[in-house]
PDB file of N, CA and C in Angstrom:
ATOM      1  N   MET A   1      -1.749 -56.604 -24.783  1.00  0.00           N
ATOM      2  CA  MET A   1      -1.969 -55.267 -23.948  1.00  0.00           C
ATOM      3  C   MET A   1      -2.953 -55.365 -23.188  1.00  0.00           C
ATOM      4  N   LEU A   2      -2.967 -54.779 -21.937  1.00  0.00           N
ATOM      5  CA  LEU A   2      -4.210 -54.763 -21.217  1.00  0.00           C
ATOM      6  C   LEU A   2      -5.219 -53.910 -21.445  1.00  0.00           C
ATOM      7  N   SER A   3      -6.355 -54.298 -21.473  1.00  0.00           N
ATOM      8  CA  SER A   3      -7.409 -53.368 -21.422  1.00  0.00           C
ATOM      9  C   SER A   3      -7.606 -52.255 -20.505  1.00  0.00           C
ATOM     10  N   ASP A   4      -8.565 -51.349 -20.390  1.00  0.00           N
ATOM     11  CA  ASP A   4      -8.698 -50.678 -19.131  1.00  0.00           C
ATOM     12  C   ASP A   4      -9.163 -51.072 -18.195  1.00  0.00           C
ATOM     13  N   ALA A   5     -10.331 -52.001 -18.423  1.00  0.00           N
ATOM     14  CA  ALA A   5     -10.806 -52.730 -17.200  1.00  0.00           C
ATOM     15  C   ALA A   5     -10.003 -53.598 -16.410  1.00  0.00           C
ATOM     16  N   GLN A   6      -8.974 -54.377 -17.283  1.00  0.00           N
ATOM     17  CA  GLN A   6      -8.086 -55.293 -16.829  1.00  0.00           C
ATOM     18  C   GLN A   6      -7.034 -54.414 -15.701  1.00  0.00           C
ATOM     19  N   ILE A   7      -6.746 -53.241 -16.022  1.00  0.00           N
ATOM     20  CA  ILE A   7      -5.784 -52.381 -15.395  1.00  0.00           C
ATOM     21  C   ILE A   7      -6.683 -51.999 -14.013  1.00  0.00           C
ATOM     22  N   ILE A   8      -7.825 -51.644 -14.026  1.00  0.00           N
ATOM     23  CA  ILE A   8      -8.446 -50.970 -12.798  1.00  0.00           C
ATOM     24  C   ILE A   8      -8.754 -52.565 -12.067  1.00  0.00           C
ATOM     25  N   ASP A   9      -8.895 -53.651 -12.601  1.00  0.00           N
ATOM     26  CA  ASP A   9      -9.230 -54.954 -11.692  1.00  0.00           C
ATOM     27  C   ASP A   9      -7.843 -55.019 -11.100  1.00  0.00           C
ATOM     28  N   LEU A  10      -6.755 -54.803 -11.945  1.00  0.00           N
ATOM     29  CA  LEU A  10      -5.095 -55.567 -11.300  1.00  0.00           C
ATOM     30  C   LEU A  10      -4.846 -54.099 -10.080  1.00  0.00           C
ATOM     31  N   ALA A  11      -5.407 -52.981 -10.346  1.00  0.00           N
ATOM     32  CA  ALA A  11      -4.890 -52.090  -9.477  1.00  0.00           C
ATOM     33  C   ALA A  11      -6.086 -52.143  -8.155  1.00  0.00           C
ATOM     34  N   ARG A  12      -6.928 -52.447  -8.596  1.00  0.00           N
ATOM     35  CA  ARG A  12      -8.100 -52.635  -7.397  1.00  0.00           C
ATOM     36  C   ARG A  12      -7.998 -53.817  -6.430  1.00  0.00           C
ATOM     37  N   GLN A  13      -7.209 -55.048  -6.876  1.00  0.00           N
ATOM     38  CA  GLN A  13      -6.672 -56.065  -6.200  1.00  0.00           C
ATOM     39  C   GLN A  13      -5.716 -55.878  -5.509  1.00  0.00           C
ATOM     40  N   ALA A  14      -4.750 -55.188  -6.318  1.00  0.00           N
ATOM     41  CA  ALA A  14      -3.477 -54.824  -5.448  1.00  0.00           C
ATOM     42  C   ALA A  14      -3.688 -53.686  -4.140  1.00  0.00           C
ATOM     43  N   MET A  15      -4.622 -53.111  -4.615  1.00  0.00           N
ATOM     44  CA  MET A  15      -4.805 -51.912  -3.336  1.00  0.00           C
ATOM     45  C   MET A  15      -5.675 -52.444  -2.187  1.00  0.00           C
ATOM     46  N   LEU A  16      -6.533 -53.664  -2.500  1.00  0.00           N
ATOM     47  CA  LEU A  16      -7.282 -54.606  -1.571  1.00  0.00           C
ATOM     48  C   LEU A  16      -6.140 -55.290  -0.711  1.00  0.00           C
ATOM     49  N   THR A  17      -5.188 -55.986  -1.382  1.00  0.00           N
ATOM     50  CA  THR A  17      -4.060 -56.740  -0.750  1.00  0.00           C
ATOM     51  C   THR A  17      -3.281 -55.593   0.015  1.00  0.00           C
ATOM     52  N   ALA A  18      -2.924 -54.541  -0.528  1.00  0.00           N
ATOM     53  CA  ALA A  18      -2.126 -53.707   0.401  1.00  0.00           C
ATOM     54  C   ALA A  18      -2.730 -53.576   1.747  1.00  0.00           C
ATOM     55  N   ALA A  19      -4.080 -53.201   1.435  1.00  0.00           N
ATOM     56  CA  ALA A  19      -4.914 -52.796   2.825  1.00  0.00           C
ATOM     57  C   ALA A  19      -4.858 -53.653   3.930  1.00  0.00           C
ATOM     58  N   MET A  20      -5.199 -55.053   3.101  1.00  0.00           N
ATOM     59  CA  MET A  20      -5.448 -56.259   3.991  1.00  0.00           C
ATOM     60  C   MET A  20      -4.176 -56.597   4.804  1.00  0.00           C
ATOM     61  N   MET A  21      -3.040 -56.177   4.335  1.00  0.00           N
ATOM     62  CA  MET A  21      -1.874 -56.483   4.410  1.00  0.00           C
ATOM     63  C   MET A  21      -1.271 -55.469   5.670  1.00  0.00           C
ATOM     64  N   ALA A  22      -1.689 -54.498   5.648  1.00  0.00           N
ATOM     65  CA  ALA A  22      -1.659 -53.538   6.603  1.00  0.00           C
ATOM     66  C   ALA A  22      -2.591 -53.260   7.764  1.00  0.00           C
ATOM     67  N   ALA A  23      -3.524 -53.854   7.529  1.00  0.00           N
ATOM     68  CA  ALA A  23      -4.714 -53.593   8.582  1.00  0.00           C
ATOM     69  C   ALA A  23      -4.275 -54.256  10.046  1.00  0.00           C
ATOM     70  N   PRO A  24      -3.258 -55.611   9.970  1.00  0.00           N
ATOM     71  CA  PRO A  24      -3.114 -55.910  11.497  1.00  0.00           C
ATOM     72  C   PRO A  24      -2.373 -55.159  12.124  1.00  0.00           C
ATOM     73  N   LEU A  25      -1.138 -54.515  11.344  1.00  0.00           N
ATOM     74  CA  LEU A  25      -0.196 -53.638  11.853  1.00  0.00           C
ATOM     75  C   LEU A  25      -0.814 -52.348  12.345  1.00  0.00           C
ATOM     76  N   LEU A  26      -1.789 -51.886  11.636  1.00  0.00           N
ATOM     77  CA  LEU A  26      -2.312 -50.562  11.901  1.00  0.00           C
ATOM     78  C   LEU A  26      -3.282 -50.580  12.807  1.00  0.00           C
ATOM     79  N   LEU A  27      -3.801 -51.494  12.985  1.00  0.00           N
ATOM     80  CA  LEU A  27      -4.882 -51.642  14.389  1.00  0.00           C
ATOM     81  C   LEU A  27      -4.109 -52.064  15.417  1.00  0.00           C
ATOM     82  N   THR A  28      -3.168 -52.864  15.486  1.00  0.00           N
ATOM     83  CA  THR A  28      -2.288 -52.978  16.535  1.00  0.00           C
ATOM     84  C   THR A  28      -1.414 -51.454  17.022  1.00  0.00           C
ATOM     85  N   ALA A  29      -1.004 -50.826  16.160  1.00  0.00           N
ATOM     86  CA  ALA A  29      -0.500 -49.487  16.703  1.00  0.00           C
ATOM     87  C   ALA A  29      -1.543 -48.690  16.981  1.00  0.00           C
ATOM     88  N   LEU A  30      -2.628 -48.529  16.435  1.00  0.00           N
ATOM     89  CA  LEU A  30      -3.819 -47.773  17.026  1.00  0.00           C
ATOM     90  C   LEU A  30      -4.330 -48.395  18.566  1.00  0.00           C
ATOM     91  N   VAL A  31      -4.303 -49.612  18.702  1.00  0.00           N
ATOM     92  CA  VAL A  31      -4.708 -50.357  20.175  1.00  0.00           C
ATOM     93  C   VAL A  31      -3.664 -50.009  21.242  1.00  0.00           C
ATOM     94  N   ALA A  32      -2.278 -50.333  20.768  1.00  0.00           N
ATOM     95  CA  ALA A  32      -1.003 -50.036  21.622  1.00  0.00           C
ATOM     96  C   ALA A  32      -0.955 -48.520  21.945  1.00  0.00           C
ATOM     97  N   GLY A  33      -1.287 -47.568  21.219  1.00  0.00           N
ATOM     98  CA  GLY A  33      -1.436 -46.287  21.121  1.00  0.00           C
ATOM     99  C   GLY A  33      -2.220 -45.911  22.271  1.00  0.00           C
ATOM    100  N   VAL A  34      -3.633 -46.361  22.085  1.00  0.00           N
ATOM    101  CA  VAL A  34      -4.726 -45.953  22.824  1.00  0.00           C
ATOM    102  C   VAL A  34      -4.324 -46.527  24.475  1.00  0.00           C
ATOM    103  N   VAL A  35      -3.925 -47.362  24.462  1.00  0.00           N
ATOM    104  CA  VAL A  35      -3.401 -48.145  25.737  1.00  0.00           C
ATOM    105  C   VAL A  35      -2.751 -47.376  26.513  1.00  0.00           C
ATOM    106  N   VAL A  36      -1.449 -47.101  25.787  1.00  0.00           N
ATOM    107  CA  VAL A  36      -0.297 -46.662  26.400  1.00  0.00           C
ATOM    108  C   VAL A  36      -0.791 -45.016  26.932  1.00  0.00           C
ATOM    109  N   GLY A  37      -1.615 -44.241  25.935  1.00  0.00           N
ATOM    110  CA  GLY A  37      -2.189 -42.988  26.313  1.00  0.00           C
ATOM    111  C   GLY A  37      -3.017 -43.017  27.345  1.00  0.00           C
ATOM    112  N   LEU A  38      -3.773 -44.042  27.697  1.00  0.00           N
ATOM    113  CA  LEU A  38      -4.677 -44.149  28.725  1.00  0.00           C
ATOM    114  C   LEU A  38      -3.778 -44.434  29.896  1.00  0.00           C
ATOM    115  N   LEU A  39      -2.763 -45.315  29.896  1.00  0.00           N
ATOM    116  CA  LEU A  39      -2.170 -45.390  30.846  1.00  0.00           C
ATOM    117  C   LEU A  39      -1.228 -43.957  31.335  1.00  0.00           C
ATOM    118  N   GLN A  40      -0.604 -43.263  30.392  1.00  0.00           N
ATOM    119  CA  GLN A  40      -0.032 -42.155  30.590  1.00  0.00           C
ATOM    120  C   GLN A  40      -0.914 -41.013  31.493  1.00  0.00           C
ATOM    121  N   ALA A  41      -2.306 -41.088  30.957  1.00  0.00           N
ATOM    122  CA  ALA A  41      -3.241 -40.013  31.431  1.00  0.00           C
ATOM    123  C   ALA A  41      -3.442 -40.665  32.539  1.00  0.00           C
ATOM    124  N   LEU A  42      -3.866 -41.864  33.084  1.00  0.00           N
ATOM    125  CA  LEU A  42      -4.202 -42.401  34.396  1.00  0.00           C
ATOM    126  C   LEU A  42      -3.096 -42.024  35.732  1.00  0.00           C
ATOM    127  N   THR A  43      -1.457 -42.195  34.990  1.00  0.00           N
ATOM    128  CA  THR A  43      -0.477 -42.115  36.183  1.00  0.00           C
ATOM    129  C   THR A  43       0.093 -40.483  35.857  1.00  0.00           C
ATOM    130  N   SER A  44      -0.388 -39.859  35.211  1.00  0.00           N
ATOM    131  CA  SER A  44      -0.075 -38.507  34.919  1.00  0.00           C
ATOM    132  C   SER A  44       1.624 -38.457  34.380  1.00  0.00           C
ATOM    133  N   VAL A  45       1.948 -39.339  34.042  1.00  0.00           N
ATOM    134  CA  VAL A  45       3.513 -39.505  33.276  1.00  0.00           C
ATOM    135  C   VAL A  45       3.383 -39.180  31.746  1.00  0.00           C
ATOM    136  N   GLN A  46       3.915 -38.131  31.728  1.00  0.00           N
ATOM    137  CA  GLN A  46       3.724 -37.405  30.310  1.00  0.00           C
ATOM    138  C   GLN A  46       4.965 -37.469  29.614  1.00  0.00           C
ATOM    139  N   GLU A  47       5.545 -38.508  29.020  1.00  0.00           N
ATOM    140  CA  GLU A  47       6.770 -39.012  28.425  1.00  0.00           C
ATOM    141  C   GLU A  47       6.574 -39.278  26.939  1.00  0.00           C
ATOM    142  N   MET A  48       6.984 -38.658  25.963  1.00  0.00           N
ATOM    143  CA  MET A  48       6.602 -38.885  24.818  1.00  0.00           C
ATOM    144  C   MET A  48       7.249 -40.102  24.136  1.00  0.00           C
ATOM    145  N   THR A  49       8.382 -40.436  24.687  1.00  0.00           N
ATOM    146  CA  THR A  49       9.462 -41.507  24.119  1.00  0.00           C
ATOM    147  C   THR A  49       8.717 -42.714  24.750  1.00  0.00           C
ATOM    148  N   LEU A  50       8.175 -42.774  25.845  1.00  0.00           N
ATOM    149  CA  LEU A  50       7.045 -44.276  26.305  1.00  0.00           C
ATOM    150  C   LEU A  50       6.332 -44.884  25.188  1.00  0.00           C
ATOM    151  N   THR A  51       5.602 -43.976  24.365  1.00  0.00           N
ATOM    152  CA  THR A  51       4.808 -44.890  23.338  1.00  0.00           C
ATOM    153  C   THR A  51       5.520 -45.602  22.376  1.00  0.00           C
ATOM    154  N   PHE A  52       6.718 -45.084  22.039  1.00  0.00           N
ATOM    155  CA  PHE A  52       7.267 -46.123  21.207  1.00  0.00           C
ATOM    156  C   PHE A  52       7.740 -47.502  21.470  1.00  0.00           C
ATOM    157  N   VAL A  53       8.180 -47.884  22.545  1.00  0.00           N
ATOM    158  CA  VAL A  53       8.763 -48.956  22.799  1.00  0.00           C
ATOM    159  C   VAL A  53       7.413 -49.985  22.777  1.00  0.00           C
ATOM    160  N   PRO A  54       6.362 -49.929  23.594  1.00  0.00           N
ATOM    161  CA  PRO A  54       5.200 -50.944  23.574  1.00  0.00           C
ATOM    162  C   PRO A  54       4.570 -50.863  22.334  1.00  0.00           C
ATOM    163  N   LYS A  55       4.635 -49.822  21.365  1.00  0.00           N
ATOM    164  CA  LYS A  55       4.056 -49.745  20.338  1.00  0.00           C
ATOM    165  C   LYS A  55       4.943 -50.736  19.403  1.00  0.00           C
ATOM    166  N   GLY A  56       6.290 -50.470  19.338  1.00  0.00           N
ATOM    167  CA  GLY A  56       6.987 -51.158  18.540  1.00  0.00           C
ATOM    168  C   GLY A  56       7.176 -52.552  18.703  1.00  0.00           C
ATOM    169  N   ALA A  57       6.903 -52.810  19.894  1.00  0.00           N
ATOM    170  CA  ALA A  57       6.976 -54.612  20.513  1.00  0.00           C
ATOM    171  C   ALA A  57       6.023 -54.884  20.139  1.00  0.00           C
ATOM    172  N   ALA A  58       4.840 -54.419  20.399  1.00  0.00           N
ATOM    173  CA  ALA A  58       3.304 -54.848  19.827  1.00  0.00           C
ATOM    174  C   ALA A  58       3.268 -55.320  18.415  1.00  0.00           C
ATOM    175  N   MET A  59       3.806 -54.139  17.575  1.00  0.00           N
ATOM    176  CA  MET A  59       3.843 -54.283  16.086  1.00  0.00           C
ATOM    177  C   MET A  59       4.647 -55.338  15.801  1.00  0.00           C
ATOM    178  N   LEU A  60       5.825 -55.522  16.372  1.00  0.00           N
ATOM    179  CA  LEU A  60       6.760 -56.678  15.811  1.00  0.00           C
ATOM    180  C   LEU A  60       6.199 -58.055  16.290  1.00  0.00           C
ATOM    181  N   LEU A  61       5.574 -58.268  17.366  1.00  0.00           N
ATOM    182  CA  LEU A  61       4.994 -59.237  17.670  1.00  0.00           C
ATOM    183  C   LEU A  61       4.137 -59.876  16.700  1.00  0.00           C
ATOM    184  N   VAL A  62       3.098 -58.872  16.334  1.00  0.00           N
ATOM    185  CA  VAL A  62       1.956 -58.630  15.482  1.00  0.00           C
ATOM    186  C   VAL A  62       2.359 -59.417  13.989  1.00  0.00           C
ATOM    187  N   PHE A  63       3.475 -58.647  13.647  1.00  0.00           N
ATOM    188  CA  PHE A  63       4.109 -58.972  12.159  1.00  0.00           C
ATOM    189  C   PHE A  63       4.690 -60.395  12.247  1.00  0.00           C
ATOM    190  N   CYS A  64       5.556 -60.773  13.301  1.00  0.00           N
ATOM    191  CA  CYS A  64       5.823 -62.060  13.391  1.00  0.00           C
ATOM    192  C   CYS A  64       4.891 -63.147  13.279  1.00  0.00           C
ATOM    193  N   LEU A  65       3.567 -62.897  13.842  1.00  0.00           N
ATOM    194  CA  LEU A  65       2.629 -63.681  14.120  1.00  0.00           C
ATOM    195  C   LEU A  65       1.756 -63.922  12.575  1.00  0.00           C
ATOM    196  N   THR A  66       1.819 -62.759  11.711  1.00  0.00           N
ATOM    197  CA  THR A  66       0.925 -62.567  10.873  1.00  0.00           C
ATOM    198  C   THR A  66       1.693 -62.397   9.531  1.00  0.00           C
ATOM    199  N   ALA A  67       2.910 -62.837   9.738  1.00  0.00           N
ATOM    200  CA  ALA A  67       3.971 -62.841   8.059  1.00  0.00           C
ATOM    201  C   ALA A  67       3.539 -64.018   7.542  1.00  0.00           C
ATOM    202  N   SER A  68       3.122 -65.067   7.912  1.00  0.00           N
ATOM    203  CA  SER A  68       2.599 -66.114   6.865  1.00  0.00           C
ATOM    204  C   SER A  68       1.549 -65.593   6.141  1.00  0.00           C
ATOM    205  N   PHE A  69       0.811 -65.128   6.882  1.00  0.00           N
ATOM    206  CA  PHE A  69      -0.671 -64.535   6.173  1.00  0.00           C
ATOM    207  C   PHE A  69      -0.603 -63.347   4.990  1.00  0.00           C
ATOM    208  N   MET A  70       0.793 -62.449   5.583  1.00  0.00           N
ATOM    209  CA  MET A  70       0.969 -61.402   4.474  1.00  0.00           C
ATOM    210  C   MET A  70       1.488 -62.184   3.410  1.00  0.00           C
ATOM    211  N   VAL A  71       2.183 -63.080   3.587  1.00  0.00           N
ATOM    212  CA  VAL A  71       3.218 -63.807   2.133  1.00  0.00           C
ATOM    213  C   VAL A  71       1.985 -64.608   1.540  1.00  0.00           C
ATOM    214  N   GLY A  72       0.880 -65.063   2.089  1.00  0.00           N
ATOM    215  CA  GLY A  72       0.084 -65.795   1.538  1.00  0.00           C
ATOM    216  C   GLY A  72      -0.694 -65.080   0.749  1.00  0.00           C
ATOM    217  N   LEU A  73      -1.084 -63.510   1.139  1.00  0.00           N
ATOM    218  CA  LEU A  73      -1.895 -62.666   0.406  1.00  0.00           C
ATOM    219  C   LEU A  73      -1.031 -62.142  -0.677  1.00  0.00           C
ATOM    220  N   CYS A  74       0.059 -62.031  -0.724  1.00  0.00           N
ATOM    221  CA  CYS A  74       0.828 -61.661  -1.977  1.00  0.00           C
ATOM    222  C   CYS A  74       0.894 -62.895  -2.945  1.00  0.00           C
ATOM    223  N   MET A  75       1.156 -64.062  -2.492  1.00  0.00           N
ATOM    224  CA  MET A  75       1.244 -65.081  -3.470  1.00  0.00           C
ATOM    225  C   MET A  75       0.009 -65.297  -4.165  1.00  0.00           C
ATOM    226  N   ARG A  76      -1.193 -65.106  -3.424  1.00  0.00           N
ATOM    227  CA  ARG A  76      -2.500 -65.237  -4.316  1.00  0.00           C
ATOM    228  C   ARG A  76      -2.970 -64.035  -4.925  1.00  0.00           C
ATOM    229  N   LEU A  77      -2.085 -62.786  -4.640  1.00  0.00           N
ATOM    230  CA  LEU A  77      -2.430 -61.657  -5.767  1.00  0.00           C
ATOM    231  C   LEU A  77      -1.686 -61.966  -6.918  1.00  0.00           C
ATOM    232  N   PHE A  78      -0.534 -62.384  -6.521  1.00  0.00           N
ATOM    233  CA  PHE A  78       0.159 -62.945  -7.785  1.00  0.00           C
ATOM    234  C   PHE A  78      -0.222 -64.266  -8.905  1.00  0.00           C
ATOM    235  N   ASP A  79      -0.627 -64.969  -8.283  1.00  0.00           N
ATOM    236  CA  ASP A  79      -1.450 -66.461  -8.930  1.00  0.00           C
ATOM    237  C   ASP A  79      -2.407 -65.815  -9.499  1.00  0.00           C
ATOM    238  N   THR A  80      -3.478 -64.949  -8.811  1.00  0.00           N
ATOM    239  CA  THR A  80      -4.246 -64.745  -9.499  1.00  0.00           C
ATOM    240  C   THR A  80      -4.660 -63.589 -10.415  1.00  0.00           C
ATOM    241  N   ALA A  81      -4.010 -62.495  -9.928  1.00  0.00           N
ATOM    242  CA  ALA A  81      -3.886 -61.412 -10.765  1.00  0.00           C
ATOM    243  C   ALA A  81      -2.560 -61.112 -11.819  1.00  0.00           C
ATOM    244  N   VAL A  82      -1.578 -61.228 -11.237  1.00  0.00           N
ATOM    245  CA  VAL A  82      -0.501 -60.981 -12.006  1.00  0.00           C
ATOM    246  C   VAL A  82      -0.001 -62.001 -13.145  1.00  0.00           C
ATOM    247  N   LEU A  83       0.021 -63.316 -12.670  1.00  0.00           N
ATOM    248  CA  LEU A  83       0.238 -64.162 -13.651  1.00  0.00           C
ATOM    249  C   LEU A  83      -0.309 -64.346 -14.768  1.00  0.00           C
ATOM    250  N   PRO A  84      -1.757 -64.304 -14.819  1.00  0.00           N
ATOM    251  CA  PRO A  84      -2.501 -64.554 -16.096  1.00  0.00           C
ATOM    252  C   PRO A  84      -2.306 -63.555 -16.806  1.00  0.00           C
ATOM    253  N   VAL A  85      -1.769 -62.278 -16.536  1.00  0.00           N
ATOM    254  CA  VAL A  85      -1.379 -61.186 -17.376  1.00  0.00           C
ATOM    255  C   VAL A  85      -0.167 -61.587 -17.960  1.00  0.00           C
ATOM    256  N   ILE A  86       0.941 -62.031 -17.097  1.00  0.00           N
ATOM    257  CA  ILE A  86       2.087 -61.886 -17.943  1.00  0.00           C
ATOM    258  C   ILE A  86       2.052 -63.541 -18.887  1.00  0.00           C
ATOM    259  N   ALA A  87       1.563 -64.585 -18.185  1.00  0.00           N
ATOM    260  CA  ALA A  87       1.638 -65.763 -19.323  1.00  0.00           C
ATOM    261  C   ALA A  87       0.067 -66.006 -19.586  1.00  0.00           C
ATOM    262  N   PRO A  88      -0.554 -65.597 -20.424  1.00  0.00           N
ATOM    263  CA  PRO A  88      -1.659 -65.804 -20.679  1.00  0.00           C
ATOM    264  C   PRO A  88      -2.113 -67.266 -21.084  1.00  0.00           C
TER     265      PRO A  88
END
């Protein structure tokens, strides 16, 4: 049985890992959205569907580049936090 402190620590580590995994994709979406919005404002092209393709392409590229990093984070979380709880 896990103590309260262990449960809180496991939840903290899981949330920190989730935030670290989501950060590259969220920052990419933010930057791509700002750049496309700026280009739309400069060219006076106000097409709502225009933002999806560059943002999706940028996020796909960043996901492909950071997939091994994300898998490594998941494996590290499992090795350091989950595995000791399952098999003490």
